[in-house]
Amino acid sequence: MRLPSKRLYPDYYQDIKRPISLNNIKFKLNKRMYGTLQDLIADLRLIFTNATEYNADGSVLYEHARVLLDAVKQRSAELLASVGHMSVEVNSTVPSTP
């Protein structure tokens, strides 16, 4: 949910060039800072890619990050296919169906 403590994990910030957390994404969503669905997906992928790069291969955190990254890749591919790979605006309203 949150970024690792800089005091406890200073090497994280040396190894990971673009740190991001779920709280960062939530903030950006609430502030309507994502222009497109692709921007949101990129940040979700970045979280779990960072986790796999930082944590030891085979560790519980690494394995959980791999599962979540695979889920993001699969669901985002399905979602983008359903909208035809358009640049979908995150902040647009979706018409309700009757």
PDB file of N, CA and C in Angstrom:
ATOM      1  N   MET A   1       0.816  -1.202   0.000  1.00  0.00           N
ATOM      2  CA  MET A   1       0.000   0.000   0.000  1.00  0.00           C
ATOM      3  C   MET A   1       0.858   1.263   0.000  1.00  0.00           C
ATOM      4  N   ARG A   2       1.902   1.261   0.847  1.00  0.00           N
ATOM      5  CA  ARG A   2       2.768   2.440   0.972  1.00  0.00           C
ATOM      6  C   ARG A   2       4.162   2.113   0.464  1.00  0.00           C
ATOM      7  N   LEU A   3       4.903   3.153   0.166  1.00  0.00           N
ATOM      8  CA  LEU A   3       6.305   2.973  -0.209  1.00  0.00           C
ATOM      9  C   LEU A   3       7.106   2.519   1.003  1.00  0.00           C
ATOM     10  N   PRO A   4       8.177   1.763   0.784  1.00  0.00           N
ATOM     11  CA  PRO A   4       9.026   1.350   1.902  1.00  0.00           C
ATOM     12  C   PRO A   4       9.662   2.563   2.591  1.00  0.00           C
ATOM     13  N   SER A   5       9.942   2.406   3.860  1.00  0.00           N
ATOM     14  CA  SER A   5      10.593   3.455   4.636  1.00  0.00           C
ATOM     15  C   SER A   5      11.979   3.751   4.065  1.00  0.00           C
ATOM     16  N   LYS A   6      12.254   5.016   3.821  1.00  0.00           N
ATOM     17  CA  LYS A   6      13.580   5.399   3.320  1.00  0.00           C
ATOM     18  C   LYS A   6      14.653   5.129   4.365  1.00  0.00           C
ATOM     19  N   ARG A   7      14.273   5.212   5.625  1.00  0.00           N
ATOM     20  CA  ARG A   7      15.231   4.970   6.704  1.00  0.00           C
ATOM     21  C   ARG A   7      15.570   3.482   6.812  1.00  0.00           C
ATOM     22  N   LEU A   8      14.556   2.629   6.695  1.00  0.00           N
ATOM     23  CA  LEU A   8      14.769   1.192   6.833  1.00  0.00           C
ATOM     24  C   LEU A   8      15.266   0.522   5.549  1.00  0.00           C
ATOM     25  N   TYR A   9      14.891   1.071   4.422  1.00  0.00           N
ATOM     26  CA  TYR A   9      15.234   0.461   3.135  1.00  0.00           C
ATOM     27  C   TYR A   9      15.837   1.489   2.168  1.00  0.00           C
ATOM     28  N   PRO A  10      16.957   2.097   2.522  1.00  0.00           N
ATOM     29  CA  PRO A  10      17.543   3.112   1.642  1.00  0.00           C
ATOM     30  C   PRO A  10      17.966   2.535   0.286  1.00  0.00           C
ATOM     31  N   ASP A  11      18.325   1.252   0.272  1.00  0.00           N
ATOM     32  CA  ASP A  11      18.736   0.624  -0.983  1.00  0.00           C
ATOM     33  C   ASP A  11      17.577   0.524  -1.980  1.00  0.00           C
ATOM     34  N   TYR A  12      16.354   0.478  -1.476  1.00  0.00           N
ATOM     35  CA  TYR A  12      15.199   0.429  -2.378  1.00  0.00           C
ATOM     36  C   TYR A  12      15.217   1.643  -3.307  1.00  0.00           C
ATOM     37  N   TYR A  13      15.514   2.787  -2.751  1.00  0.00           N
ATOM     38  CA  TYR A  13      15.481   4.031  -3.531  1.00  0.00           C
ATOM     39  C   TYR A  13      16.718   4.195  -4.407  1.00  0.00           C
ATOM     40  N   GLN A  14      17.739   3.405  -4.152  1.00  0.00           N
ATOM     41  CA  GLN A  14      18.898   3.371  -5.042  1.00  0.00           C
ATOM     42  C   GLN A  14      18.632   2.412  -6.207  1.00  0.00           C
ATOM     43  N   ASP A  15      17.955   1.300  -5.906  1.00  0.00           N
ATOM     44  CA  ASP A  15      17.696   0.281  -6.922  1.00  0.00           C
ATOM     45  C   ASP A  15      16.487   0.593  -7.800  1.00  0.00           C
ATOM     46  N   ILE A  16      15.470   1.166  -7.203  1.00  0.00           N
ATOM     47  CA  ILE A  16      14.206   1.422  -7.913  1.00  0.00           C
ATOM     48  C   ILE A  16      14.146   2.891  -8.319  1.00  0.00           C
ATOM     49  N   LYS A  17      14.163   3.132  -9.605  1.00  0.00           N
ATOM     50  CA  LYS A  17      14.249   4.508 -10.118  1.00  0.00           C
ATOM     51  C   LYS A  17      12.908   5.239 -10.100  1.00  0.00           C
ATOM     52  N   ARG A  18      11.799   4.497 -10.165  1.00  0.00           N
ATOM     53  CA  ARG A  18      10.472   5.126 -10.178  1.00  0.00           C
ATOM     54  C   ARG A  18       9.583   4.470  -9.122  1.00  0.00           C
ATOM     55  N   PRO A  19       9.815   4.766  -7.851  1.00  0.00           N
ATOM     56  CA  PRO A  19       8.987   4.173  -6.798  1.00  0.00           C
ATOM     57  C   PRO A  19       7.537   4.651  -6.891  1.00  0.00           C
ATOM     58  N   ILE A  20       6.629   3.728  -6.605  1.00  0.00           N
ATOM     59  CA  ILE A  20       5.205   4.057  -6.610  1.00  0.00           C
ATOM     60  C   ILE A  20       4.486   3.057  -5.701  1.00  0.00           C
ATOM     61  N   SER A  21       3.374   3.483  -5.131  1.00  0.00           N
ATOM     62  CA  SER A  21       2.601   2.613  -4.242  1.00  0.00           C
ATOM     63  C   SER A  21       1.127   2.662  -4.628  1.00  0.00           C
ATOM     64  N   LEU A  22       0.357   1.761  -4.045  1.00  0.00           N
ATOM     65  CA  LEU A  22      -1.089   1.791  -4.270  1.00  0.00           C
ATOM     66  C   LEU A  22      -1.695   3.082  -3.725  1.00  0.00           C
ATOM     67  N   ASN A  23      -1.142   3.589  -2.630  1.00  0.00           N
ATOM     68  CA  ASN A  23      -1.621   4.875  -2.110  1.00  0.00           C
ATOM     69  C   ASN A  23      -1.363   6.008  -3.098  1.00  0.00           C
ATOM     70  N   ASN A  24      -0.215   5.961  -3.803  1.00  0.00           N
ATOM     71  CA  ASN A  24       0.060   6.971  -4.828  1.00  0.00           C
ATOM     72  C   ASN A  24      -0.988   6.905  -5.943  1.00  0.00           C
ATOM     73  N   ILE A  25      -1.317   5.697  -6.346  1.00  0.00           N
ATOM     74  CA  ILE A  25      -2.315   5.517  -7.409  1.00  0.00           C
ATOM     75  C   ILE A  25      -3.684   5.991  -6.941  1.00  0.00           C
ATOM     76  N   LYS A  26      -4.041   5.640  -5.712  1.00  0.00           N
ATOM     77  CA  LYS A  26      -5.329   6.092  -5.164  1.00  0.00           C
ATOM     78  C   LYS A  26      -5.399   7.618  -5.149  1.00  0.00           C
ATOM     79  N   PHE A  27      -4.329   8.264  -4.722  1.00  0.00           N
ATOM     80  CA  PHE A  27      -4.270   9.726  -4.708  1.00  0.00           C
ATOM     81  C   PHE A  27      -4.466  10.280  -6.119  1.00  0.00           C
ATOM     82  N   LYS A  28      -3.740   9.702  -7.088  1.00  0.00           N
ATOM     83  CA  LYS A  28      -3.846  10.176  -8.469  1.00  0.00           C
ATOM     84  C   LYS A  28      -5.244   9.963  -9.043  1.00  0.00           C
ATOM     85  N   LEU A  29      -5.878   8.852  -8.676  1.00  0.00           N
ATOM     86  CA  LEU A  29      -7.255   8.617  -9.118  1.00  0.00           C
ATOM     87  C   LEU A  29      -8.204   9.646  -8.512  1.00  0.00           C
ATOM     88  N   ASN A  30      -8.071   9.871  -7.209  1.00  0.00           N
ATOM     89  CA  ASN A  30      -8.947  10.829  -6.526  1.00  0.00           C
ATOM     90  C   ASN A  30      -8.769  12.245  -7.058  1.00  0.00           C
ATOM     91  N   LYS A  31      -7.566  12.598  -7.460  1.00  0.00           N
ATOM     92  CA  LYS A  31      -7.279  13.935  -7.995  1.00  0.00           C
ATOM     93  C   LYS A  31      -7.458  14.002  -9.508  1.00  0.00           C
ATOM     94  N   ARG A  32      -7.935  12.893 -10.079  1.00  0.00           N
ATOM     95  CA  ARG A  32      -8.174  12.829 -11.536  1.00  0.00           C
ATOM     96  C   ARG A  32      -6.919  13.188 -12.327  1.00  0.00           C
ATOM     97  N   MET A  33      -5.814  12.599 -11.930  1.00  0.00           N
ATOM     98  CA  MET A  33      -4.531  12.894 -12.552  1.00  0.00           C
ATOM     99  C   MET A  33      -4.186  11.943 -13.701  1.00  0.00           C
ATOM    100  N   TYR A  34      -4.974  10.883 -13.880  1.00  0.00           N
ATOM    101  CA  TYR A  34      -4.729   9.966 -14.994  1.00  0.00           C
ATOM    102  C   TYR A  34      -5.517  10.446 -16.199  1.00  0.00           C
ATOM    103  N   GLY A  35      -4.816  10.627 -17.297  1.00  0.00           N
ATOM    104  CA  GLY A  35      -5.476  11.063 -18.514  1.00  0.00           C
ATOM    105  C   GLY A  35      -6.123   9.913 -19.265  1.00  0.00           C
ATOM    106  N   THR A  36      -5.477   8.743 -19.221  1.00  0.00           N
ATOM    107  CA  THR A  36      -5.987   7.594 -19.964  1.00  0.00           C
ATOM    108  C   THR A  36      -5.901   6.336 -19.115  1.00  0.00           C
ATOM    109  N   LEU A  37      -6.643   5.345 -19.536  1.00  0.00           N
ATOM    110  CA  LEU A  37      -6.598   4.043 -18.899  1.00  0.00           C
ATOM    111  C   LEU A  37      -5.188   3.461 -18.996  1.00  0.00           C
ATOM    112  N   GLN A  38      -4.529   3.691 -20.110  1.00  0.00           N
ATOM    113  CA  GLN A  38      -3.171   3.188 -20.289  1.00  0.00           C
ATOM    114  C   GLN A  38      -2.218   3.760 -19.243  1.00  0.00           C
ATOM    115  N   ASP A  39      -2.417   5.021 -18.858  1.00  0.00           N
ATOM    116  CA  ASP A  39      -1.578   5.638 -17.822  1.00  0.00           C
ATOM    117  C   ASP A  39      -1.767   4.930 -16.481  1.00  0.00           C
ATOM    118  N   LEU A  40      -3.010   4.624 -16.151  1.00  0.00           N
ATOM    119  CA  LEU A  40      -3.311   3.902 -14.916  1.00  0.00           C
ATOM    120  C   LEU A  40      -2.701   2.505 -14.951  1.00  0.00           C
ATOM    121  N   ILE A  41      -2.873   1.812 -16.048  1.00  0.00           N
ATOM    122  CA  ILE A  41      -2.322   0.459 -16.192  1.00  0.00           C
ATOM    123  C   ILE A  41      -0.804   0.483 -16.068  1.00  0.00           C
ATOM    124  N   ALA A  42      -0.167   1.481 -16.659  1.00  0.00           N
ATOM    125  CA  ALA A  42       1.294   1.588 -16.572  1.00  0.00           C
ATOM    126  C   ALA A  42       1.749   1.706 -15.119  1.00  0.00           C
ATOM    127  N   ASP A  43       1.044   2.488 -14.321  1.00  0.00           N
ATOM    128  CA  ASP A  43       1.413   2.622 -12.909  1.00  0.00           C
ATOM    129  C   ASP A  43       1.175   1.320 -12.146  1.00  0.00           C
ATOM    130  N   LEU A  44       0.090   0.624 -12.430  1.00  0.00           N
ATOM    131  CA  LEU A  44      -0.169  -0.656 -11.771  1.00  0.00           C
ATOM    132  C   LEU A  44       0.924  -1.665 -12.112  1.00  0.00           C
ATOM    133  N   ARG A  45       1.309  -1.704 -13.369  1.00  0.00           N
ATOM    134  CA  ARG A  45       2.390  -2.609 -13.773  1.00  0.00           C
ATOM    135  C   ARG A  45       3.706  -2.226 -13.092  1.00  0.00           C
ATOM    136  N   LEU A  46       3.939  -0.926 -12.966  1.00  0.00           N
ATOM    137  CA  LEU A  46       5.174  -0.451 -12.359  1.00  0.00           C
ATOM    138  C   LEU A  46       5.303  -0.906 -10.906  1.00  0.00           C
ATOM    139  N   ILE A  47       4.215  -0.862 -10.149  1.00  0.00           N
ATOM    140  CA  ILE A  47       4.251  -1.304  -8.750  1.00  0.00           C
ATOM    141  C   ILE A  47       4.795  -2.725  -8.650  1.00  0.00           C
ATOM    142  N   PHE A  48       4.226  -3.625  -9.421  1.00  0.00           N
ATOM    143  CA  PHE A  48       4.579  -5.031  -9.292  1.00  0.00           C
ATOM    144  C   PHE A  48       5.903  -5.356  -9.982  1.00  0.00           C
ATOM    145  N   THR A  49       6.248  -4.604 -11.014  1.00  0.00           N
ATOM    146  CA  THR A  49       7.572  -4.759 -11.616  1.00  0.00           C
ATOM    147  C   THR A  49       8.644  -4.327 -10.620  1.00  0.00           C
ATOM    148  N   ASN A  50       8.419  -3.205  -9.947  1.00  0.00           N
ATOM    149  CA  ASN A  50       9.361  -2.752  -8.916  1.00  0.00           C
ATOM    150  C   ASN A  50       9.537  -3.824  -7.845  1.00  0.00           C
ATOM    151  N   ALA A  51       8.434  -4.432  -7.428  1.00  0.00           N
ATOM    152  CA  ALA A  51       8.494  -5.451  -6.375  1.00  0.00           C
ATOM    153  C   ALA A  51       9.299  -6.669  -6.819  1.00  0.00           C
ATOM    154  N   THR A  52       9.156  -7.053  -8.085  1.00  0.00           N
ATOM    155  CA  THR A  52       9.924  -8.209  -8.567  1.00  0.00           C
ATOM    156  C   THR A  52      11.394  -7.858  -8.749  1.00  0.00           C
ATOM    157  N   GLU A  53      11.685  -6.618  -9.067  1.00  0.00           N
ATOM    158  CA  GLU A  53      13.078  -6.208  -9.230  1.00  0.00           C
ATOM    159  C   GLU A  53      13.792  -6.086  -7.884  1.00  0.00           C
ATOM    160  N   TYR A  54      13.091  -5.644  -6.866  1.00  0.00           N
ATOM    161  CA  TYR A  54      13.727  -5.404  -5.570  1.00  0.00           C
ATOM    162  C   TYR A  54      13.820  -6.666  -4.716  1.00  0.00           C
ATOM    163  N   ASN A  55      12.782  -7.469  -4.700  1.00  0.00           N
ATOM    164  CA  ASN A  55      12.745  -8.641  -3.826  1.00  0.00           C
ATOM    165  C   ASN A  55      13.439  -9.836  -4.477  1.00  0.00           C
ATOM    166  N   ALA A  56      13.990 -10.705  -3.651  1.00  0.00           N
ATOM    167  CA  ALA A  56      14.741 -11.863  -4.126  1.00  0.00           C
ATOM    168  C   ALA A  56      13.828 -12.821  -4.888  1.00  0.00           C
ATOM    169  N   ASP A  57      14.347 -13.295  -6.012  1.00  0.00           N
ATOM    170  CA  ASP A  57      13.631 -14.278  -6.823  1.00  0.00           C
ATOM    171  C   ASP A  57      13.273 -15.471  -5.949  1.00  0.00           C
ATOM    172  N   GLY A  58      12.011 -15.852  -5.947  1.00  0.00           N
ATOM    173  CA  GLY A  58      11.560 -16.980  -5.158  1.00  0.00           C
ATOM    174  C   GLY A  58      11.025 -16.614  -3.779  1.00  0.00           C
ATOM    175  N   SER A  59      11.257 -15.367  -3.335  1.00  0.00           N
ATOM    176  CA  SER A  59      10.723 -14.956  -2.032  1.00  0.00           C
ATOM    177  C   SER A  59       9.202 -14.814  -2.126  1.00  0.00           C
ATOM    178  N   VAL A  60       8.553 -14.810  -0.973  1.00  0.00           N
ATOM    179  CA  VAL A  60       7.094 -14.683  -0.936  1.00  0.00           C
ATOM    180  C   VAL A  60       6.660 -13.379  -1.604  1.00  0.00           C
ATOM    181  N   LEU A  61       7.346 -12.280  -1.282  1.00  0.00           N
ATOM    182  CA  LEU A  61       6.980 -10.986  -1.881  1.00  0.00           C
ATOM    183  C   LEU A  61       7.177 -11.012  -3.395  1.00  0.00           C
ATOM    184  N   TYR A  62       8.256 -11.614  -3.849  1.00  0.00           N
ATOM    185  CA  TYR A  62       8.515 -11.725  -5.287  1.00  0.00           C
ATOM    186  C   TYR A  62       7.393 -12.522  -5.957  1.00  0.00           C
ATOM    187  N   GLU A  63       7.056 -13.668  -5.373  1.00  0.00           N
ATOM    188  CA  GLU A  63       6.031 -14.528  -5.974  1.00  0.00           C
ATOM    189  C   GLU A  63       4.660 -13.854  -5.984  1.00  0.00           C
ATOM    190  N   HIS A  64       4.309 -13.172  -4.925  1.00  0.00           N
ATOM    191  CA  HIS A  64       3.035 -12.451  -4.895  1.00  0.00           C
ATOM    192  C   HIS A  64       3.017 -11.343  -5.944  1.00  0.00           C
ATOM    193  N   ALA A  65       4.128 -10.642  -6.074  1.00  0.00           N
ATOM    194  CA  ALA A  65       4.218  -9.572  -7.078  1.00  0.00           C
ATOM    195  C   ALA A  65       4.072 -10.135  -8.489  1.00  0.00           C
ATOM    196  N   ARG A  66       4.653 -11.307  -8.750  1.00  0.00           N
ATOM    197  CA  ARG A  66       4.543 -11.936 -10.079  1.00  0.00           C
ATOM    198  C   ARG A  66       3.082 -12.282 -10.384  1.00  0.00           C
ATOM    199  N   VAL A  67       2.395 -12.843  -9.397  1.00  0.00           N
ATOM    200  CA  VAL A  67       0.990 -13.207  -9.589  1.00  0.00           C
ATOM    201  C   VAL A  67       0.164 -11.953  -9.879  1.00  0.00           C
ATOM    202  N   LEU A  68       0.391 -10.896  -9.110  1.00  0.00           N
ATOM    203  CA  LEU A  68      -0.370  -9.655  -9.303  1.00  0.00           C
ATOM    204  C   LEU A  68      -0.011  -8.983 -10.626  1.00  0.00           C
ATOM    205  N   LEU A  69       1.259  -9.016 -11.007  1.00  0.00           N
ATOM    206  CA  LEU A  69       1.662  -8.451 -12.297  1.00  0.00           C
ATOM    207  C   LEU A  69       1.003  -9.215 -13.441  1.00  0.00           C
ATOM    208  N   ASP A  70       0.997 -10.529 -13.355  1.00  0.00           N
ATOM    209  CA  ASP A  70       0.330 -11.330 -14.391  1.00  0.00           C
ATOM    210  C   ASP A  70      -1.161 -11.006 -14.467  1.00  0.00           C
ATOM    211  N   ALA A  71      -1.798 -10.818 -13.309  1.00  0.00           N
ATOM    212  CA  ALA A  71      -3.223 -10.478 -13.276  1.00  0.00           C
ATOM    213  C   ALA A  71      -3.470  -9.114 -13.918  1.00  0.00           C
ATOM    214  N   VAL A  72      -2.627  -8.145 -13.620  1.00  0.00           N
ATOM    215  CA  VAL A  72      -2.763  -6.809 -14.217  1.00  0.00           C
ATOM    216  C   VAL A  72      -2.591  -6.901 -15.731  1.00  0.00           C
ATOM    217  N   LYS A  73      -1.591  -7.648 -16.175  1.00  0.00           N
ATOM    218  CA  LYS A  73      -1.355  -7.799 -17.620  1.00  0.00           C
ATOM    219  C   LYS A  73      -2.561  -8.440 -18.304  1.00  0.00           C
ATOM    220  N   GLN A  74      -3.084  -9.509 -17.707  1.00  0.00           N
ATOM    221  CA  GLN A  74      -4.216 -10.212 -18.308  1.00  0.00           C
ATOM    222  C   GLN A  74      -5.471  -9.341 -18.338  1.00  0.00           C
ATOM    223  N   ARG A  75      -5.815  -8.764 -17.211  1.00  0.00           N
ATOM    224  CA  ARG A  75      -7.042  -7.948 -17.144  1.00  0.00           C
ATOM    225  C   ARG A  75      -6.930  -6.694 -18.000  1.00  0.00           C
ATOM    226  N   SER A  76      -5.759  -6.076 -18.024  1.00  0.00           N
ATOM    227  CA  SER A  76      -5.618  -4.864 -18.838  1.00  0.00           C
ATOM    228  C   SER A  76      -5.692  -5.210 -20.319  1.00  0.00           C
ATOM    229  N   ALA A  77      -5.136  -6.341 -20.721  1.00  0.00           N
ATOM    230  CA  ALA A  77      -5.229  -6.761 -22.122  1.00  0.00           C
ATOM    231  C   ALA A  77      -6.686  -7.008 -22.503  1.00  0.00           C
ATOM    232  N   GLU A  78      -7.424  -7.659 -21.616  1.00  0.00           N
ATOM    233  CA  GLU A  78      -8.855  -7.905 -21.869  1.00  0.00           C
ATOM    234  C   GLU A  78      -9.626  -6.599 -21.967  1.00  0.00           C
ATOM    235  N   LEU A  79      -9.349  -5.697 -21.040  1.00  0.00           N
ATOM    236  CA  LEU A  79     -10.061  -4.415 -21.020  1.00  0.00           C
ATOM    237  C   LEU A  79      -9.732  -3.583 -22.252  1.00  0.00           C
ATOM    238  N   LEU A  80      -8.449  -3.519 -22.596  1.00  0.00           N
ATOM    239  CA  LEU A  80      -8.058  -2.736 -23.770  1.00  0.00           C
ATOM    240  C   LEU A  80      -8.604  -3.351 -25.054  1.00  0.00           C
ATOM    241  N   ALA A  81      -8.677  -4.673 -25.109  1.00  0.00           N
ATOM    242  CA  ALA A  81      -9.258  -5.335 -26.284  1.00  0.00           C
ATOM    243  C   ALA A  81     -10.742  -5.010 -26.403  1.00  0.00           C
ATOM    244  N   SER A  82     -11.421  -4.907 -25.266  1.00  0.00           N
ATOM    245  CA  SER A  82     -12.856  -4.627 -25.309  1.00  0.00           C
ATOM    246  C   SER A  82     -13.154  -3.202 -25.756  1.00  0.00           C
ATOM    247  N   VAL A  83     -12.205  -2.300 -25.597  1.00  0.00           N
ATOM    248  CA  VAL A  83     -12.408  -0.918 -26.042  1.00  0.00           C
ATOM    249  C   VAL A  83     -11.625  -0.627 -27.318  1.00  0.00           C
ATOM    250  N   GLY A  84     -11.036  -1.661 -27.897  1.00  0.00           N
ATOM    251  CA  GLY A  84     -10.352  -1.511 -29.170  1.00  0.00           C
ATOM    252  C   GLY A  84      -9.041  -0.760 -29.081  1.00  0.00           C
ATOM    253  N   HIS A  85      -8.325  -0.865 -27.968  1.00  0.00           N
ATOM    254  CA  HIS A  85      -7.022  -0.202 -27.776  1.00  0.00           C
ATOM    255  C   HIS A  85      -7.099   1.307 -27.958  1.00  0.00           C
ATOM    256  N   MET A  86      -8.294   1.851 -27.779  1.00  0.00           N
ATOM    257  CA  MET A  86      -8.440   3.301 -27.858  1.00  0.00           C
ATOM    258  C   MET A  86      -7.743   3.927 -26.666  1.00  0.00           C
ATOM    259  N   SER A  87      -7.442   5.179 -26.779  1.00  0.00           N
ATOM    260  CA  SER A  87      -6.909   5.925 -25.648  1.00  0.00           C
ATOM    261  C   SER A  87      -8.086   6.328 -24.780  1.00  0.00           C
ATOM    262  N   VAL A  88      -8.446   5.476 -23.845  1.00  0.00           N
ATOM    263  CA  VAL A  88      -9.637   5.671 -23.034  1.00  0.00           C
ATOM    264  C   VAL A  88      -9.323   6.629 -21.901  1.00  0.00           C
ATOM    265  N   GLU A  89     -10.120   7.677 -21.798  1.00  0.00           N
ATOM    266  CA  GLU A  89      -9.934   8.640 -20.719  1.00  0.00           C
ATOM    267  C   GLU A  89     -10.463   8.054 -19.427  1.00  0.00           C
ATOM    268  N   VAL A  90      -9.646   8.093 -18.386  1.00  0.00           N
ATOM    269  CA  VAL A  90     -10.039   7.555 -17.094  1.00  0.00           C
ATOM    270  C   VAL A  90     -11.133   8.393 -16.474  1.00  0.00           C
ATOM    271  N   ASN A  91     -11.115   9.675 -16.690  1.00  0.00           N
ATOM    272  CA  ASN A  91     -12.047  10.587 -16.030  1.00  0.00           C
ATOM    273  C   ASN A  91     -13.357  10.761 -16.778  1.00  0.00           C
ATOM    274  N   SER A  92     -13.505  10.090 -17.908  1.00  0.00           N
ATOM    275  CA  SER A  92     -14.761  10.236 -18.647  1.00  0.00           C
ATOM    276  C   SER A  92     -15.855   9.417 -17.969  1.00  0.00           C
ATOM    277  N   THR A  93     -17.066   9.833 -18.170  1.00  0.00           N
ATOM    278  CA  THR A  93     -18.178   9.104 -17.589  1.00  0.00           C
ATOM    279  C   THR A  93     -18.636   8.037 -18.584  1.00  0.00           C
ATOM    280  N   VAL A  94     -18.985   6.895 -18.063  1.00  0.00           N
ATOM    281  CA  VAL A  94     -19.451   5.793 -18.899  1.00  0.00           C
ATOM    282  C   VAL A  94     -20.962   5.806 -18.871  1.00  0.00           C
ATOM    283  N   PRO A  95     -21.587   5.827 -20.058  1.00  0.00           N
ATOM    284  CA  PRO A  95     -23.049   5.829 -20.086  1.00  0.00           C
ATOM    285  C   PRO A  95     -23.589   4.533 -19.477  1.00  0.00           C
ATOM    286  N   SER A  96     -24.642   4.657 -18.695  1.00  0.00           N
ATOM    287  CA  SER A  96     -25.233   3.476 -18.093  1.00  0.00           C
ATOM    288  C   SER A  96     -26.124   2.780 -19.108  1.00  0.00           C
ATOM    289  N   THR A  97     -26.220   1.462 -18.962  1.00  0.00           N
ATOM    290  CA  THR A  97     -27.063   0.696 -19.868  1.00  0.00           C
ATOM    291  C   THR A  97     -28.415   0.479 -19.218  1.00  0.00           C
ATOM    292  N   PRO A  98     -29.468   0.456 -20.035  1.00  0.00           N
ATOM    293  CA  PRO A  98     -30.817   0.285 -19.461  1.00  0.00           C
ATOM    294  C   PRO A  98     -31.015  -1.089 -18.870  1.00  0.00           C
TER     295      PRO A  98
END
